[in-house]
Amino acid sequence: MRIRYALAVGVVLVVTGAGVADAAPGDTSTTFSVTAGALSIAVPASAALGSVLPGNTVTAQLGAVTVTDARALLTAAWTASVVSTSFQTGGGTAPETIATSAVSYWSGAATATAGTATFTPGQATAGAAQTLASSRTAFTATAGVGNNTAAWNPTLVVAVPAGAVGGTYTGTVTHSVA
């Protein structure tokens, strides 16, 4: 009898052990997309610099300039540039025109940044101001990864000639980014 009992227990163990085996894992391939946007710049629509007598200098900030890089790049970099037209009043004759060589610009430090990049002003201080007789670098971003944003509030300095006539002078300061 003892032998039969041992045999019956052995069969039960073998059957029970077969039912404990793990099932094969099931894998699900999963994907999603990261959407890339554009590189853009936003500038104030207008800026009133104030009043000044001929032979003096008018200095004022233009308002926030903001570059947004939403291109989601592995290596993100951009350069913002600035240039100006001459400023004119009346009929735009010589005494009614202030040349771009009398218009200076300095970007100053960033007022806000976001994302990963090294942000560098084109002219960090008033002592580094440059005339806008030609296009100048206003701000740069280098060593960026993914999206980033930088804003600054640049200062415009206009040296009004002693021979300038009275009137409201109008010019255009253009910022661009590439």
C-alpha atoms as a PDB file:
ATOM      1  CA  MET A   1       0.000   0.000   0.000  1.00  0.00           C
ATOM      2  CA  ARG A   2       2.730   2.335   0.738  1.00  0.00           C
ATOM      3  CA  ILE A   3       4.014   2.193  -2.745  1.00  0.00           C
ATOM      4  CA  ARG A   4       0.665   3.054  -4.299  1.00  0.00           C
ATOM      5  CA  TYR A   5       0.254   6.044  -2.055  1.00  0.00           C
ATOM      6  CA  ALA A   6       3.666   7.453  -2.972  1.00  0.00           C
ATOM      7  CA  LEU A   7       2.912   7.025  -6.663  1.00  0.00           C
ATOM      8  CA  ALA A   8      -0.407   8.836  -6.350  1.00  0.00           C
ATOM      9  CA  VAL A   9       1.249  11.813  -4.584  1.00  0.00           C
ATOM     10  CA  GLY A  10       3.922  12.020  -7.281  1.00  0.00           C
ATOM     11  CA  VAL A  11       1.322  12.258 -10.046  1.00  0.00           C
ATOM     12  CA  VAL A  12      -0.516  15.003  -8.205  1.00  0.00           C
ATOM     13  CA  LEU A  13       2.698  17.030  -7.821  1.00  0.00           C
ATOM     14  CA  VAL A  14       3.579  16.755 -11.480  1.00  0.00           C
ATOM     15  CA  VAL A  15       0.152  17.889 -12.606  1.00  0.00           C
ATOM     16  CA  THR A  16       0.119  20.779 -10.133  1.00  0.00           C
ATOM     17  CA  GLY A  17       3.650  21.926 -11.143  1.00  0.00           C
ATOM     18  CA  ALA A  18       2.667  22.135 -14.813  1.00  0.00           C
ATOM     19  CA  GLY A  19      -0.090  24.630 -14.040  1.00  0.00           C
ATOM     20  CA  VAL A  20       2.256  27.114 -12.247  1.00  0.00           C
ATOM     21  CA  ALA A  21       4.381  28.055 -15.301  1.00  0.00           C
ATOM     22  CA  ASP A  22       4.495  31.828 -16.212  1.00  0.00           C
ATOM     23  CA  ALA A  23       2.751  33.087 -19.315  1.00  0.00           C
ATOM     24  CA  ALA A  24       4.881  34.742 -22.062  1.00  0.00           C
ATOM     25  CA  PRO A  25       5.080  38.576 -21.734  1.00  0.00           C
ATOM     26  CA  GLY A  26       3.184  40.758 -24.225  1.00  0.00           C
ATOM     27  CA  ASP A  27       4.886  43.909 -25.568  1.00  0.00           C
ATOM     28  CA  THR A  28       3.080  46.979 -26.904  1.00  0.00           C
ATOM     29  CA  SER A  29       5.047  49.284 -29.197  1.00  0.00           C
ATOM     30  CA  THR A  30       4.059  52.814 -28.158  1.00  0.00           C
ATOM     31  CA  THR A  31       4.789  56.086 -30.010  1.00  0.00           C
ATOM     32  CA  PHE A  32       4.004  59.790 -29.824  1.00  0.00           C
ATOM     33  CA  SER A  33       5.137  62.913 -31.676  1.00  0.00           C
ATOM     34  CA  VAL A  34       6.817  66.078 -30.405  1.00  0.00           C
ATOM     35  CA  THR A  35       5.532  68.885 -32.590  1.00  0.00           C
ATOM     36  CA  ALA A  36       8.008  71.506 -33.754  1.00  0.00           C
ATOM     37  CA  GLY A  37       6.945  75.125 -34.208  1.00  0.00           C
ATOM     38  CA  ALA A  38       8.637  78.194 -35.642  1.00  0.00           C
ATOM     39  CA  LEU A  39      11.228  80.829 -34.776  1.00  0.00           C
ATOM     40  CA  SER A  40       9.483  84.175 -34.219  1.00  0.00           C
ATOM     41  CA  ILE A  41      10.022  87.679 -32.888  1.00  0.00           C
ATOM     42  CA  ALA A  42       7.547  90.059 -31.238  1.00  0.00           C
ATOM     43  CA  VAL A  43       8.218  93.796 -30.957  1.00  0.00           C
ATOM     44  CA  PRO A  44       6.297  96.836 -29.683  1.00  0.00           C
ATOM     45  CA  ALA A  45       4.039  98.381 -32.330  1.00  0.00           C
ATOM     46  CA  SER A  46       5.266 101.885 -31.477  1.00  0.00           C
ATOM     47  CA  ALA A  47       7.454 103.790 -29.039  1.00  0.00           C
ATOM     48  CA  ALA A  48       7.389 107.467 -28.080  1.00  0.00           C
ATOM     49  CA  LEU A  49      10.891 108.571 -27.103  1.00  0.00           C
ATOM     50  CA  GLY A  50       9.930 111.958 -25.638  1.00  0.00           C
ATOM     51  CA  SER A  51      10.963 115.521 -26.466  1.00  0.00           C
ATOM     52  CA  VAL A  52      14.353 117.157 -26.820  1.00  0.00           C
ATOM     53  CA  LEU A  53      15.840 120.483 -27.899  1.00  0.00           C
ATOM     54  CA  PRO A  54      18.094 120.631 -30.993  1.00  0.00           C
ATOM     55  CA  GLY A  55      21.706 119.817 -30.146  1.00  0.00           C
ATOM     56  CA  ASN A  56      20.732 117.387 -27.352  1.00  0.00           C
ATOM     57  CA  THR A  57      20.174 113.652 -27.020  1.00  0.00           C
ATOM     58  CA  VAL A  58      16.926 111.805 -26.400  1.00  0.00           C
ATOM     59  CA  THR A  59      17.229 108.399 -24.723  1.00  0.00           C
ATOM     60  CA  ALA A  60      14.372 105.952 -24.083  1.00  0.00           C
ATOM     61  CA  GLN A  61      13.599 102.264 -23.980  1.00  0.00           C
ATOM     62  CA  LEU A  62      11.594 100.818 -26.863  1.00  0.00           C
ATOM     63  CA  GLY A  63       9.652  98.172 -24.925  1.00  0.00           C
ATOM     64  CA  ALA A  64       9.983  94.403 -24.747  1.00  0.00           C
ATOM     65  CA  VAL A  65      11.413  92.539 -27.726  1.00  0.00           C
ATOM     66  CA  THR A  66      10.831  88.786 -27.442  1.00  0.00           C
ATOM     67  CA  VAL A  67      12.275  85.929 -29.498  1.00  0.00           C
ATOM     68  CA  THR A  68      10.502  82.587 -29.226  1.00  0.00           C
ATOM     69  CA  ASP A  69      12.240  79.523 -30.637  1.00  0.00           C
ATOM     70  CA  ALA A  70       9.643  76.732 -30.767  1.00  0.00           C
ATOM     71  CA  ARG A  71      11.505  74.636 -33.375  1.00  0.00           C
ATOM     72  CA  ALA A  72      12.355  71.892 -30.811  1.00  0.00           C
ATOM     73  CA  LEU A  73      15.874  71.476 -32.214  1.00  0.00           C
ATOM     74  CA  LEU A  74      18.629  69.274 -30.843  1.00  0.00           C
ATOM     75  CA  THR A  75      21.069  72.163 -31.407  1.00  0.00           C
ATOM     76  CA  ALA A  76      19.129  75.436 -31.191  1.00  0.00           C
ATOM     77  CA  ALA A  77      20.724  78.786 -32.031  1.00  0.00           C
ATOM     78  CA  TRP A  78      19.471  82.116 -33.337  1.00  0.00           C
ATOM     79  CA  THR A  79      20.591  85.706 -33.897  1.00  0.00           C
ATOM     80  CA  ALA A  80      18.294  88.717 -33.559  1.00  0.00           C
ATOM     81  CA  SER A  81      19.348  91.755 -35.593  1.00  0.00           C
ATOM     82  CA  VAL A  82      18.304  95.407 -35.507  1.00  0.00           C
ATOM     83  CA  VAL A  83      18.498  98.261 -38.013  1.00  0.00           C
ATOM     84  CA  SER A  84      16.869 101.694 -38.298  1.00  0.00           C
ATOM     85  CA  THR A  85      15.721 104.100 -40.943  1.00  0.00           C
ATOM     86  CA  SER A  86      16.535 107.776 -40.643  1.00  0.00           C
ATOM     87  CA  PHE A  87      14.069 109.908 -38.647  1.00  0.00           C
ATOM     88  CA  GLN A  88      12.199 112.600 -40.574  1.00  0.00           C
ATOM     89  CA  THR A  89       9.638 115.343 -40.094  1.00  0.00           C
ATOM     90  CA  GLY A  90       7.846 117.594 -42.575  1.00  0.00           C
ATOM     91  CA  GLY A  91       9.104 117.158 -46.133  1.00  0.00           C
ATOM     92  CA  GLY A  92      12.222 115.223 -45.105  1.00  0.00           C
ATOM     93  CA  THR A  93      14.722 117.864 -46.261  1.00  0.00           C
ATOM     94  CA  ALA A  94      18.226 117.822 -44.747  1.00  0.00           C
ATOM     95  CA  PRO A  95      17.242 119.977 -41.713  1.00  0.00           C
ATOM     96  CA  GLU A  96      14.159 117.731 -41.282  1.00  0.00           C
ATOM     97  CA  THR A  97      16.159 114.470 -41.243  1.00  0.00           C
ATOM     98  CA  ILE A  98      18.191 112.759 -38.519  1.00  0.00           C
ATOM     99  CA  ALA A  99      20.544 110.233 -40.106  1.00  0.00           C
ATOM    100  CA  THR A 100      20.903 106.637 -38.879  1.00  0.00           C
ATOM    101  CA  SER A 101      24.472 107.482 -37.864  1.00  0.00           C
ATOM    102  CA  ALA A 102      22.929 109.649 -35.086  1.00  0.00           C
ATOM    103  CA  VAL A 103      20.749 106.770 -33.839  1.00  0.00           C
ATOM    104  CA  SER A 104      22.377 104.365 -31.355  1.00  0.00           C
ATOM    105  CA  TYR A 105      21.052 101.175 -29.787  1.00  0.00           C
ATOM    106  CA  TRP A 106      21.933  98.959 -26.868  1.00  0.00           C
ATOM    107  CA  SER A 107      20.002  95.836 -25.974  1.00  0.00           C
ATOM    108  CA  GLY A 108      20.910  95.529 -22.289  1.00  0.00           C
ATOM    109  CA  ALA A 109      20.617  92.282 -20.366  1.00  0.00           C
ATOM    110  CA  ALA A 110      17.759  89.844 -20.847  1.00  0.00           C
ATOM    111  CA  THR A 111      14.633  90.745 -18.878  1.00  0.00           C
ATOM    112  CA  ALA A 112      13.315  87.165 -19.124  1.00  0.00           C
ATOM    113  CA  THR A 113      14.524  83.823 -20.476  1.00  0.00           C
ATOM    114  CA  ALA A 114      13.120  80.304 -20.620  1.00  0.00           C
ATOM    115  CA  GLY A 115      14.489  77.000 -21.833  1.00  0.00           C
ATOM    116  CA  THR A 116      18.015  75.755 -22.229  1.00  0.00           C
ATOM    117  CA  ALA A 117      20.385  78.093 -24.130  1.00  0.00           C
ATOM    118  CA  THR A 118      23.138  80.636 -23.583  1.00  0.00           C
ATOM    119  CA  PHE A 119      21.607  84.090 -24.187  1.00  0.00           C
ATOM    120  CA  THR A 120      23.977  86.972 -24.999  1.00  0.00           C
ATOM    121  CA  PRO A 121      23.078  90.640 -25.557  1.00  0.00           C
ATOM    122  CA  GLY A 122      24.598  92.370 -28.560  1.00  0.00           C
ATOM    123  CA  GLN A 123      25.340  95.453 -26.448  1.00  0.00           C
ATOM    124  CA  ALA A 124      25.097  94.702 -22.731  1.00  0.00           C
ATOM    125  CA  THR A 125      25.661  98.270 -21.487  1.00  0.00           C
ATOM    126  CA  ALA A 126      25.188 101.873 -22.586  1.00  0.00           C
ATOM    127  CA  GLY A 127      28.950 102.078 -23.167  1.00  0.00           C
ATOM    128  CA  ALA A 128      28.635  99.354 -25.816  1.00  0.00           C
ATOM    129  CA  ALA A 129      25.851 101.137 -27.770  1.00  0.00           C
ATOM    130  CA  GLN A 130      26.226 101.008 -31.550  1.00  0.00           C
ATOM    131  CA  THR A 131      24.853 103.284 -34.261  1.00  0.00           C
ATOM    132  CA  LEU A 132      22.164 101.817 -36.459  1.00  0.00           C
ATOM    133  CA  ALA A 133      23.775 103.042 -39.664  1.00  0.00           C
ATOM    134  CA  SER A 134      23.982  99.322 -40.510  1.00  0.00           C
ATOM    135  CA  SER A 135      22.410  96.128 -39.188  1.00  0.00           C
ATOM    136  CA  ARG A 136      23.613  95.151 -35.700  1.00  0.00           C
ATOM    137  CA  THR A 137      23.303  92.041 -33.557  1.00  0.00           C
ATOM    138  CA  ALA A 138      20.723  92.706 -30.859  1.00  0.00           C
ATOM    139  CA  PHE A 139      20.762  89.329 -29.070  1.00  0.00           C
ATOM    140  CA  THR A 140      21.892  85.752 -29.635  1.00  0.00           C
ATOM    141  CA  ALA A 141      21.099  82.299 -28.324  1.00  0.00           C
ATOM    142  CA  THR A 142      23.666  79.503 -28.592  1.00  0.00           C
ATOM    143  CA  ALA A 143      24.048  75.980 -27.213  1.00  0.00           C
ATOM    144  CA  GLY A 144      20.282  75.589 -27.016  1.00  0.00           C
ATOM    145  CA  VAL A 145      18.329  72.353 -26.781  1.00  0.00           C
ATOM    146  CA  GLY A 146      14.599  72.218 -27.519  1.00  0.00           C
ATOM    147  CA  ASN A 147      12.466  75.334 -27.186  1.00  0.00           C
ATOM    148  CA  ASN A 148      13.692  78.616 -25.678  1.00  0.00           C
ATOM    149  CA  THR A 149      12.646  82.248 -25.279  1.00  0.00           C
ATOM    150  CA  ALA A 150      14.457  85.499 -24.502  1.00  0.00           C
ATOM    151  CA  ALA A 151      13.147  89.016 -23.956  1.00  0.00           C
ATOM    152  CA  TRP A 152      14.955  92.331 -23.562  1.00  0.00           C
ATOM    153  CA  ASN A 153      14.022  96.028 -23.395  1.00  0.00           C
ATOM    154  CA  PRO A 154      16.474  97.872 -25.672  1.00  0.00           C
ATOM    155  CA  THR A 155      17.407 101.529 -25.378  1.00  0.00           C
ATOM    156  CA  LEU A 156      17.462 103.917 -28.334  1.00  0.00           C
ATOM    157  CA  VAL A 157      19.675 107.009 -28.179  1.00  0.00           C
ATOM    158  CA  VAL A 158      19.115 109.754 -30.782  1.00  0.00           C
ATOM    159  CA  ALA A 159      21.611 112.608 -31.052  1.00  0.00           C
ATOM    160  CA  VAL A 160      19.517 115.467 -32.460  1.00  0.00           C
ATOM    161  CA  PRO A 161      21.625 117.835 -34.573  1.00  0.00           C
ATOM    162  CA  ALA A 162      21.763 121.502 -33.527  1.00  0.00           C
ATOM    163  CA  GLY A 163      20.365 122.432 -36.957  1.00  0.00           C
ATOM    164  CA  ALA A 164      17.284 120.183 -36.646  1.00  0.00           C
ATOM    165  CA  VAL A 165      13.949 121.925 -37.182  1.00  0.00           C
ATOM    166  CA  GLY A 166      11.000 121.545 -34.813  1.00  0.00           C
ATOM    167  CA  GLY A 167       8.479 118.781 -35.469  1.00  0.00           C
ATOM    168  CA  THR A 168       7.613 115.193 -34.717  1.00  0.00           C
ATOM    169  CA  TYR A 169      10.268 112.922 -36.189  1.00  0.00           C
ATOM    170  CA  THR A 170       9.306 109.433 -37.280  1.00  0.00           C
ATOM    171  CA  GLY A 171      11.521 106.491 -38.153  1.00  0.00           C
ATOM    172  CA  THR A 172      11.339 102.711 -38.073  1.00  0.00           C
ATOM    173  CA  VAL A 173      13.470 100.407 -35.942  1.00  0.00           C
ATOM    174  CA  THR A 174      13.328  96.879 -37.369  1.00  0.00           C
ATOM    175  CA  HIS A 175      14.176  93.741 -35.391  1.00  0.00           C
ATOM    176  CA  SER A 176      14.492  90.389 -37.170  1.00  0.00           C
ATOM    177  CA  VAL A 177      15.594  86.901 -36.162  1.00  0.00           C
ATOM    178  CA  ALA A 178      17.203  84.037 -38.038  1.00  0.00           C
END
